[in-house]
Structures are given as C-alpha cells and as structure tokens.
C-alpha cells in the first residue's frame, strides 16, 4: 500500500472538496480504488501507487477549482477525473480563467469543459462557427452568452436567433394559434437563454427596439444581415437548401454560429440534413470552423452522458452489421 498527503490551507477548502455527505470524495475513491481521509490540515490518499498518483492529481485539480471560486458538482468532479485519466489535467487552469459574461443574476458564465473552451475560442476567432454535438453540451447557451457579450461591447447592433420550426415529427398546421403562437414553443430555449443573460425587463426593451430578434428560419429569406450576431439553433433539422439560404444571409461585420446534433434529425425520410451537408462542404473553407462535442462535454446529469454513450454504441453496432 502506498500513501500520499496533500496540505489544505483552510478548513473550508476541505469541506467544499469532500462535498455534502462526502459525495465528491466517494466518486474519486470509487473511480481510482483509493481511500481518502482528512486529518487536520492534511488529506491522506492510500492505495496502489499509480491509483494514488491519479487520485492526488484529481484532488489537486478540484482544489484549484475551489480556489478559483468554482462550486464543485457531480459534473465537474467527473470531468476532472476524465482529464486525469487522459493526462490532460494541466489544461484545467486555462479553462476556468475564461469568463464570457455575467448573467442578470450576477452568475459568471464560463466554459466547463475543454470542448466548450475550444468552441468559445472558435467563435471569437472565426466569422462562422458550426457547433456539432449531443444535447446538454451548452452549444446554444454559450453561443447566446457570446452574442450578449458582443452586443454589450457594441461590436454588433443586433442579436438574431433562429431555428427551423418543424421538429420531433410535429407539423405546425396542427398547432393552435397564429404563426407567432405556433412557432413560439420551438423558440422557447432561445428566449430562456436570453432571459438568463439579460433579465426579463432588459430583454423586453431590446426586443421592442428591434435589437433582438427571435424568429423562425423562414423569416431570414431575402435578407442581408449586417452588424449582427446570428445564431441558428437545431440546424440538423434544416434542409440543404435552407442551410445554404441561411449561410448566404451573412453581411459585413457579422458573426454566425450554427448549432445542432446530427443524431437527432427530425426531417421526413429521405431528406438530407443541411447541417450534415454543411459539415462536409465547408470543412476546408477559411474563417469557418467546425467544433465537435462529445459525451464528456455534457454538463447535465451523469445519466445523460450514459444515455448518449449507449446510443452511440448502438449506432456503431448497427453500422457494422
């Protein structure tokens, strides 16, 4: 058996590290097959030498997050563990240093995974970014945060959020109300993200002034969008023609972010997804970057990661048959 000690400056650090009912430390103990105990200002890790080394690196990574004011959760504990297993825990500091913006409730919005960090950097550097990956990876939320940051800094005059209005096998004609009432439920995730960033009052004011526009994709046809930050959400449900139409709306001093999950295509059978097509067609075009997320970038419940992994495995088996 091998033992290694870690010094802790303050008791509050140890309390945050161990978590409620020691839930954080239990995850580390189970993952690396080690025992972790707190004795005064020291944390002792016992087990096989290699496992202890990994456990200590994970604990040091979590202590760094705590020192930077991050609240530990099941998600970031498991993410630090995955970085340690890959030998990439040294990339943690650069990830946590990047604050995109502050929400209306005073909460900082930061990338929580290296995939999210890469996505943010791509949006900063490129005119068009395609974010492709599973649900729960923060594609839409982070894009809206970047749009609000650009708008507050007066880099753009407008934020335009759009998404195709048919998905999950539903047809708009069967829904009650006029066109706006029909499409509003589809645009709700975009409204929610903006509410979070700006607050209801500020959002309403900017909406009335025309500085923020939330509209179905069909409304984009025939327009040129200058000085705007444009986000196309759920892009896997666009046709090839719609995607081309959208991308060619780009005007001067504008940015575009296209997000979608190519495993959740709701188009009628036989129709090609505009997002799948765009990823192939645009991969070598300058000033356009494609960022791919995987299940480790999911910042929802751990079970969501497991579900995505299970479906990916099932799809791989089907392809091999």
Protein backbone atom coordinates (compact mmCIF):
# COMPACT_ATOMS: atom_id res chain seq x y z
CA UNK A 1 0.00 0.00 0.00
CA UNK A 2 1.13 3.50 -0.83
CA UNK A 3 0.17 6.76 0.93
CA UNK A 4 0.44 10.38 -0.14
CA UNK A 5 -0.56 13.57 1.71
CA UNK A 6 -1.97 16.87 0.40
CA UNK A 7 -1.87 20.03 2.54
CA UNK A 8 -5.03 22.13 2.73
CA UNK A 9 -4.74 25.81 3.70
CA UNK A 10 -8.25 26.31 5.07
CA UNK A 11 -10.88 24.02 6.53
CA UNK A 12 -13.49 25.47 4.09
CA UNK A 13 -11.46 24.03 1.19
CA UNK A 14 -11.67 20.54 2.68
CA UNK A 15 -15.43 20.95 3.31
CA UNK A 16 -16.01 22.02 -0.33
CA UNK A 17 -13.75 19.25 -1.60
CA UNK A 18 -15.48 16.44 0.29
CA UNK A 19 -18.96 17.80 -0.51
CA UNK A 20 -22.28 17.02 1.10
CA UNK A 21 -22.08 13.59 2.81
CA UNK A 22 -18.58 13.20 1.23
CA UNK A 23 -20.20 12.72 -2.19
CA UNK A 24 -17.28 14.22 -4.18
CA UNK A 25 -14.58 12.18 -2.45
CA UNK A 26 -16.64 8.99 -2.80
CA UNK A 27 -16.60 9.44 -6.59
CA UNK A 28 -12.78 9.72 -6.52
CA UNK A 29 -12.43 6.73 -4.16
CA UNK A 30 -14.63 4.57 -6.40
CA UNK A 31 -13.02 5.71 -9.67
CA UNK A 32 -9.40 5.20 -8.59
CA UNK A 33 -9.89 2.46 -5.93
CA UNK A 34 -8.25 4.55 -3.17
CA UNK A 35 -9.12 5.61 0.39
CA UNK A 36 -9.21 9.33 1.15
CA UNK A 37 -9.31 10.69 4.72
CA UNK A 38 -8.98 14.19 6.15
CA UNK A 39 -6.72 14.63 9.20
CA UNK A 40 -6.42 18.23 10.41
CA UNK A 41 -4.87 20.28 7.60
CA UNK A 42 -3.89 17.21 5.58
CA UNK A 43 -5.73 14.90 3.20
CA UNK A 44 -4.27 11.40 3.00
CA UNK A 45 -4.74 9.20 -0.08
CA UNK A 46 -3.99 5.46 0.28
CA UNK A 47 -3.95 2.66 -2.31
CA UNK A 48 -1.86 1.26 -5.17
CA UNK A 49 0.92 3.69 -6.21
CA UNK A 50 -0.49 4.51 -9.68
CA UNK A 51 -4.04 4.91 -8.35
CA UNK A 52 -2.85 7.17 -5.51
CA UNK A 53 -0.97 9.34 -8.03
CA UNK A 54 -4.16 9.76 -10.10
CA UNK A 55 -6.28 10.39 -7.01
CA UNK A 56 -3.88 13.10 -5.78
CA UNK A 57 -3.85 14.78 -9.22
CA UNK A 58 -7.66 14.76 -9.27
CA UNK A 59 -7.86 16.24 -5.75
CA UNK A 60 -5.31 18.95 -6.65
CA UNK A 61 -7.37 19.78 -9.75
CA UNK A 62 -10.53 20.09 -7.65
CA UNK A 63 -8.74 22.25 -5.05
CA UNK A 64 -7.64 24.57 -7.86
CA UNK A 65 -11.29 24.90 -8.98
CA UNK A 66 -12.33 25.66 -5.37
CA UNK A 67 -9.59 28.32 -5.05
CA UNK A 68 -10.93 29.98 -8.21
CA UNK A 69 -14.40 30.23 -6.70
CA UNK A 70 -15.96 27.30 -8.58
CA UNK A 71 -18.66 25.27 -6.83
CA UNK A 72 -17.99 21.54 -7.16
CA UNK A 73 -20.70 19.39 -8.70
CA UNK A 74 -21.02 15.81 -9.89
CA UNK A 75 -20.31 17.08 -13.43
CA UNK A 76 -17.03 18.90 -12.80
CA UNK A 77 -15.73 16.21 -10.39
CA UNK A 78 -16.27 13.56 -13.08
CA UNK A 79 -14.80 15.84 -15.74
CA UNK A 80 -11.60 16.40 -13.72
CA UNK A 81 -11.36 12.60 -13.28
CA UNK A 82 -11.66 12.11 -17.06
CA UNK A 83 -8.89 14.71 -17.64
CA UNK A 84 -6.63 12.93 -15.12
CA UNK A 85 -7.24 9.58 -16.88
CA UNK A 86 -6.14 11.20 -20.15
CA UNK A 87 -3.21 13.07 -18.55
CA UNK A 88 -4.72 16.44 -19.51
CA UNK A 89 -5.42 17.92 -16.06
CA UNK A 90 -2.76 20.62 -16.71
CA UNK A 91 -5.28 22.26 -19.09
CA UNK A 92 -7.72 22.98 -16.25
CA UNK A 93 -6.35 26.47 -15.34
CA UNK A 94 -6.83 27.92 -18.84
CA UNK A 95 -10.40 26.58 -18.95
CA UNK A 96 -11.51 28.19 -15.68
CA UNK A 97 -9.82 31.54 -16.37
CA UNK A 98 -12.22 32.43 -19.19
CA UNK A 99 -15.36 34.31 -18.05
CA UNK A 100 -17.62 35.01 -21.04
CA UNK A 101 -20.17 37.24 -19.35
CA UNK A 102 -22.18 37.76 -16.17
CA UNK A 103 -25.87 36.76 -16.13
CA UNK A 104 -28.63 39.09 -14.93
CA UNK A 105 -28.40 37.34 -11.53
CA UNK A 106 -24.66 38.02 -11.24
CA UNK A 107 -23.50 34.50 -12.09
CA UNK A 108 -20.37 34.20 -14.28
CA UNK A 109 -20.74 32.14 -17.44
CA UNK A 110 -17.60 30.07 -18.07
CA UNK A 111 -16.73 27.07 -20.23
CA UNK A 112 -16.98 23.91 -18.12
CA UNK A 113 -15.10 21.55 -20.43
CA UNK A 114 -12.18 21.78 -22.87
CA UNK A 115 -14.66 21.21 -25.73
CA UNK A 116 -16.64 24.25 -24.59
CA UNK A 117 -13.40 26.27 -24.29
CA UNK A 118 -12.46 25.38 -27.88
CA UNK A 119 -15.98 26.38 -29.02
CA UNK A 120 -15.72 29.80 -27.33
CA UNK A 121 -12.28 30.43 -28.85
CA UNK A 122 -13.58 29.43 -32.29
CA UNK A 123 -16.49 31.91 -32.04
CA UNK A 124 -14.02 34.67 -31.07
CA UNK A 125 -11.61 33.94 -33.94
CA UNK A 126 -13.91 32.94 -36.82
CA UNK A 127 -16.78 34.61 -38.66
CA UNK A 128 -18.77 31.35 -38.82
CA UNK A 129 -18.63 28.54 -36.25
CA UNK A 130 -20.51 25.24 -36.52
CA UNK A 131 -21.01 23.57 -33.12
CA UNK A 132 -21.97 19.92 -33.60
CA UNK A 133 -22.66 17.58 -30.70
CA UNK A 134 -25.16 15.94 -28.36
CA UNK A 135 -27.80 17.62 -26.21
CA UNK A 136 -26.63 19.20 -22.96
CA UNK A 137 -23.19 20.36 -24.18
CA UNK A 138 -24.08 24.06 -23.84
CA UNK A 139 -23.91 24.81 -27.59
CA UNK A 140 -26.88 27.19 -27.62
CA UNK A 141 -26.38 28.71 -24.16
CA UNK A 142 -22.71 29.59 -24.77
CA UNK A 143 -23.49 30.98 -28.24
CA UNK A 144 -26.14 33.27 -26.69
CA UNK A 145 -23.63 34.30 -23.98
CA UNK A 146 -21.10 35.23 -26.70
CA UNK A 147 -23.81 37.15 -28.59
CA UNK A 148 -24.79 39.14 -25.49
CA UNK A 149 -21.09 39.90 -24.78
CA UNK A 150 -20.59 41.20 -28.34
CA UNK A 151 -23.81 43.25 -28.11
CA UNK A 152 -22.85 44.81 -24.74
CA UNK A 153 -19.39 45.67 -26.13
CA UNK A 154 -21.14 47.35 -29.13
CA UNK A 155 -19.31 45.02 -31.54
CA UNK A 156 -22.72 44.26 -33.13
CA UNK A 157 -26.01 46.19 -33.24
CA UNK A 158 -28.37 43.20 -33.25
CA UNK A 159 -28.75 39.67 -31.96
CA UNK A 160 -30.73 37.39 -34.26
CA UNK A 161 -31.76 33.94 -33.02
CA UNK A 162 -33.46 31.49 -35.32
CA UNK A 163 -34.28 27.81 -35.68
CA UNK A 164 -36.30 25.67 -38.10
CA UNK A 165 -39.93 25.49 -36.97
CA UNK A 166 -40.64 21.80 -37.61
CA UNK A 167 -39.17 19.07 -35.43
CA UNK A 168 -39.96 15.94 -33.43
CA UNK A 169 -42.43 14.80 -36.08
CA UNK A 170 -44.91 17.63 -35.41
CA UNK A 171 -46.49 19.79 -38.10
CA UNK A 172 -47.23 23.45 -37.40
CA UNK A 173 -50.66 23.33 -39.03
CA UNK A 174 -51.96 21.10 -36.23
CA UNK A 175 -50.88 23.52 -33.51
CA UNK A 176 -53.33 26.18 -32.21
CA UNK A 177 -52.94 29.95 -32.77
CA UNK A 178 -51.44 32.28 -35.40
CA UNK A 179 -47.95 31.78 -36.84
CA UNK A 180 -46.16 33.54 -33.95
CA UNK A 181 -48.03 31.46 -31.36
CA UNK A 182 -47.30 28.30 -33.34
CA UNK A 183 -43.54 28.89 -33.53
CA UNK A 184 -43.02 30.40 -30.04
CA UNK A 185 -42.76 26.98 -28.28
CA UNK A 186 -39.98 26.00 -30.73
CA UNK A 187 -38.08 29.21 -29.96
CA UNK A 188 -38.54 28.92 -26.18
CA UNK A 189 -34.97 27.60 -25.43
CA UNK A 190 -33.58 30.70 -27.15
CA UNK A 191 -35.85 33.01 -25.13
CA UNK A 192 -34.81 31.21 -21.93
CA UNK A 193 -31.08 31.72 -22.60
CA UNK A 194 -31.61 35.42 -23.36
CA UNK A 195 -33.77 35.88 -20.24
CA UNK A 196 -30.94 34.38 -18.19
CA UNK A 197 -28.31 36.73 -19.65
CA UNK A 198 -30.26 39.98 -19.81
CA UNK A 199 -33.13 39.70 -17.35
CA UNK A 200 -36.79 39.90 -18.43
CA UNK A 201 -37.02 43.72 -18.41
CA UNK A 202 -33.85 44.38 -20.43
CA UNK A 203 -34.75 41.57 -22.86
CA UNK A 204 -38.23 43.02 -23.47
CA UNK A 205 -36.79 46.51 -24.02
CA UNK A 206 -34.22 45.32 -26.59
CA UNK A 207 -36.88 43.17 -28.29
CA UNK A 208 -39.19 46.19 -28.71
CA UNK A 209 -36.33 48.29 -30.10
CA UNK A 210 -35.59 45.59 -32.67
CA UNK A 211 -32.09 44.98 -31.28
CA UNK A 212 -33.04 41.37 -30.53
CA UNK A 213 -34.95 39.23 -32.98
CA UNK A 214 -36.16 35.68 -32.30
CA UNK A 215 -37.77 34.24 -35.42
CA UNK A 216 -38.26 31.04 -37.40
CA UNK A 217 -35.73 30.34 -40.15
CA UNK A 218 -38.24 31.07 -42.95
CA UNK A 219 -38.17 34.76 -41.92
CA UNK A 220 -34.48 35.02 -42.91
CA UNK A 221 -35.05 34.58 -46.65
CA UNK A 222 -34.17 37.59 -48.83
CA UNK A 223 -32.33 39.50 -46.08
CA UNK A 224 -28.73 40.63 -45.68
CA UNK A 225 -27.72 40.71 -42.01
CA UNK A 226 -25.05 43.37 -41.33
CA UNK A 227 -23.62 44.24 -37.87
CA UNK A 228 -25.40 41.25 -36.36
CA UNK A 229 -24.65 38.19 -34.23
CA UNK A 230 -26.76 35.43 -35.77
CA UNK A 231 -27.40 32.04 -34.15
CA UNK A 232 -29.08 29.15 -35.97
CA UNK A 233 -30.15 26.53 -33.43
CA UNK A 234 -31.30 22.92 -34.09
CA UNK A 235 -29.64 23.19 -37.51
CA UNK A 236 -29.81 19.41 -38.05
CA UNK A 237 -33.48 19.99 -38.98
CA UNK A 238 -32.71 22.34 -41.88
CA UNK A 239 -32.78 21.10 -45.45
CA UNK A 240 -29.68 21.58 -47.62
CA UNK A 241 -31.44 24.48 -49.39
CA UNK A 242 -32.39 26.17 -46.09
CA UNK A 243 -28.84 25.91 -44.77
CA UNK A 244 -27.39 27.46 -47.93
CA UNK A 245 -30.04 30.20 -47.77
CA UNK A 246 -29.16 30.94 -44.14
CA UNK A 247 -25.36 30.99 -44.56
CA UNK A 248 -25.61 33.36 -47.53
CA UNK A 249 -27.51 35.94 -45.39
CA UNK A 250 -24.16 36.87 -43.81
CA UNK A 251 -23.44 40.60 -44.07
CA UNK A 252 -20.50 42.82 -43.14
CA UNK A 253 -19.24 42.92 -39.53
CA UNK A 254 -21.42 39.95 -38.57
CA UNK A 255 -20.83 36.62 -36.88
CA UNK A 256 -22.75 33.38 -37.32
CA UNK A 257 -22.98 30.39 -35.01
CA UNK A 258 -24.74 27.24 -36.23
CA UNK A 259 -25.56 24.58 -33.64
CA UNK A 260 -27.08 21.12 -33.91
CA UNK A 261 -27.00 17.44 -33.04
CA UNK A 262 -26.73 15.19 -36.09
CA UNK A 263 -28.06 12.23 -34.08
CA UNK A 264 -31.44 13.98 -33.56
CA UNK A 265 -32.61 14.68 -37.10
CA UNK A 266 -36.41 15.06 -37.34
CA UNK A 267 -36.65 15.63 -41.11
CA UNK A 268 -39.00 13.42 -43.16
CA UNK A 269 -37.40 10.22 -44.51
CA UNK A 270 -35.07 10.69 -47.43
CA UNK A 271 -34.35 14.40 -46.86
CA UNK A 272 -30.71 15.28 -46.33
CA UNK A 273 -29.86 17.38 -43.28
CA UNK A 274 -28.40 20.80 -44.11
CA UNK A 275 -26.06 20.54 -41.12
CA UNK A 276 -24.63 17.15 -42.15
CA UNK A 277 -24.12 18.57 -45.65
CA UNK A 278 -22.54 21.83 -44.41
CA UNK A 279 -20.02 19.98 -42.20
CA UNK A 280 -18.77 18.12 -45.30
CA UNK A 281 -18.91 21.06 -47.74
CA UNK A 282 -17.39 23.78 -45.52
CA UNK A 283 -14.65 21.83 -43.70
CA UNK A 284 -11.79 23.46 -45.69
CA UNK A 285 -13.19 26.99 -46.01
CA UNK A 286 -11.15 29.73 -44.30
CA UNK A 287 -12.78 31.66 -41.43
CA UNK A 288 -15.24 28.80 -40.82
CA UNK A 289 -14.51 26.33 -38.03
CA UNK A 290 -16.37 23.15 -37.13
CA UNK A 291 -16.25 22.27 -33.41
CA UNK A 292 -17.36 18.79 -32.40
CA UNK A 293 -18.57 17.99 -28.89
CA UNK A 294 -18.74 14.51 -27.37
CA UNK A 295 -20.48 12.95 -24.37
CA UNK A 296 -17.75 14.24 -22.00
CA UNK A 297 -18.82 17.81 -22.80
CA UNK A 298 -22.35 17.14 -21.49
CA UNK A 299 -22.96 19.36 -18.46
CA UNK A 300 -26.28 17.83 -17.44
CA UNK A 301 -26.97 14.82 -15.20
CA UNK A 302 -24.41 11.99 -15.47
CA UNK A 303 -27.19 9.74 -16.77
CA UNK A 304 -27.45 11.97 -19.88
CA UNK A 305 -23.80 11.14 -20.68
CA UNK A 306 -24.50 7.43 -20.19
CA UNK A 307 -27.61 7.59 -22.44
CA UNK A 308 -25.64 9.35 -25.22
CA UNK A 309 -22.82 6.79 -24.93
CA UNK A 310 -25.29 3.89 -25.09
CA UNK A 311 -26.96 5.27 -28.23
CA UNK A 312 -23.58 5.92 -29.91
CA UNK A 313 -22.53 2.34 -29.16
CA UNK A 314 -25.83 1.04 -30.56
CA UNK A 315 -25.39 3.10 -33.76
CA UNK A 316 -21.83 1.79 -34.20
CA UNK A 317 -23.06 -1.81 -33.89
CA UNK A 318 -25.81 -1.14 -36.47
CA UNK A 319 -23.29 0.34 -38.93
CA UNK A 320 -21.02 -2.71 -38.64
CA UNK A 321 -23.86 -5.15 -39.43
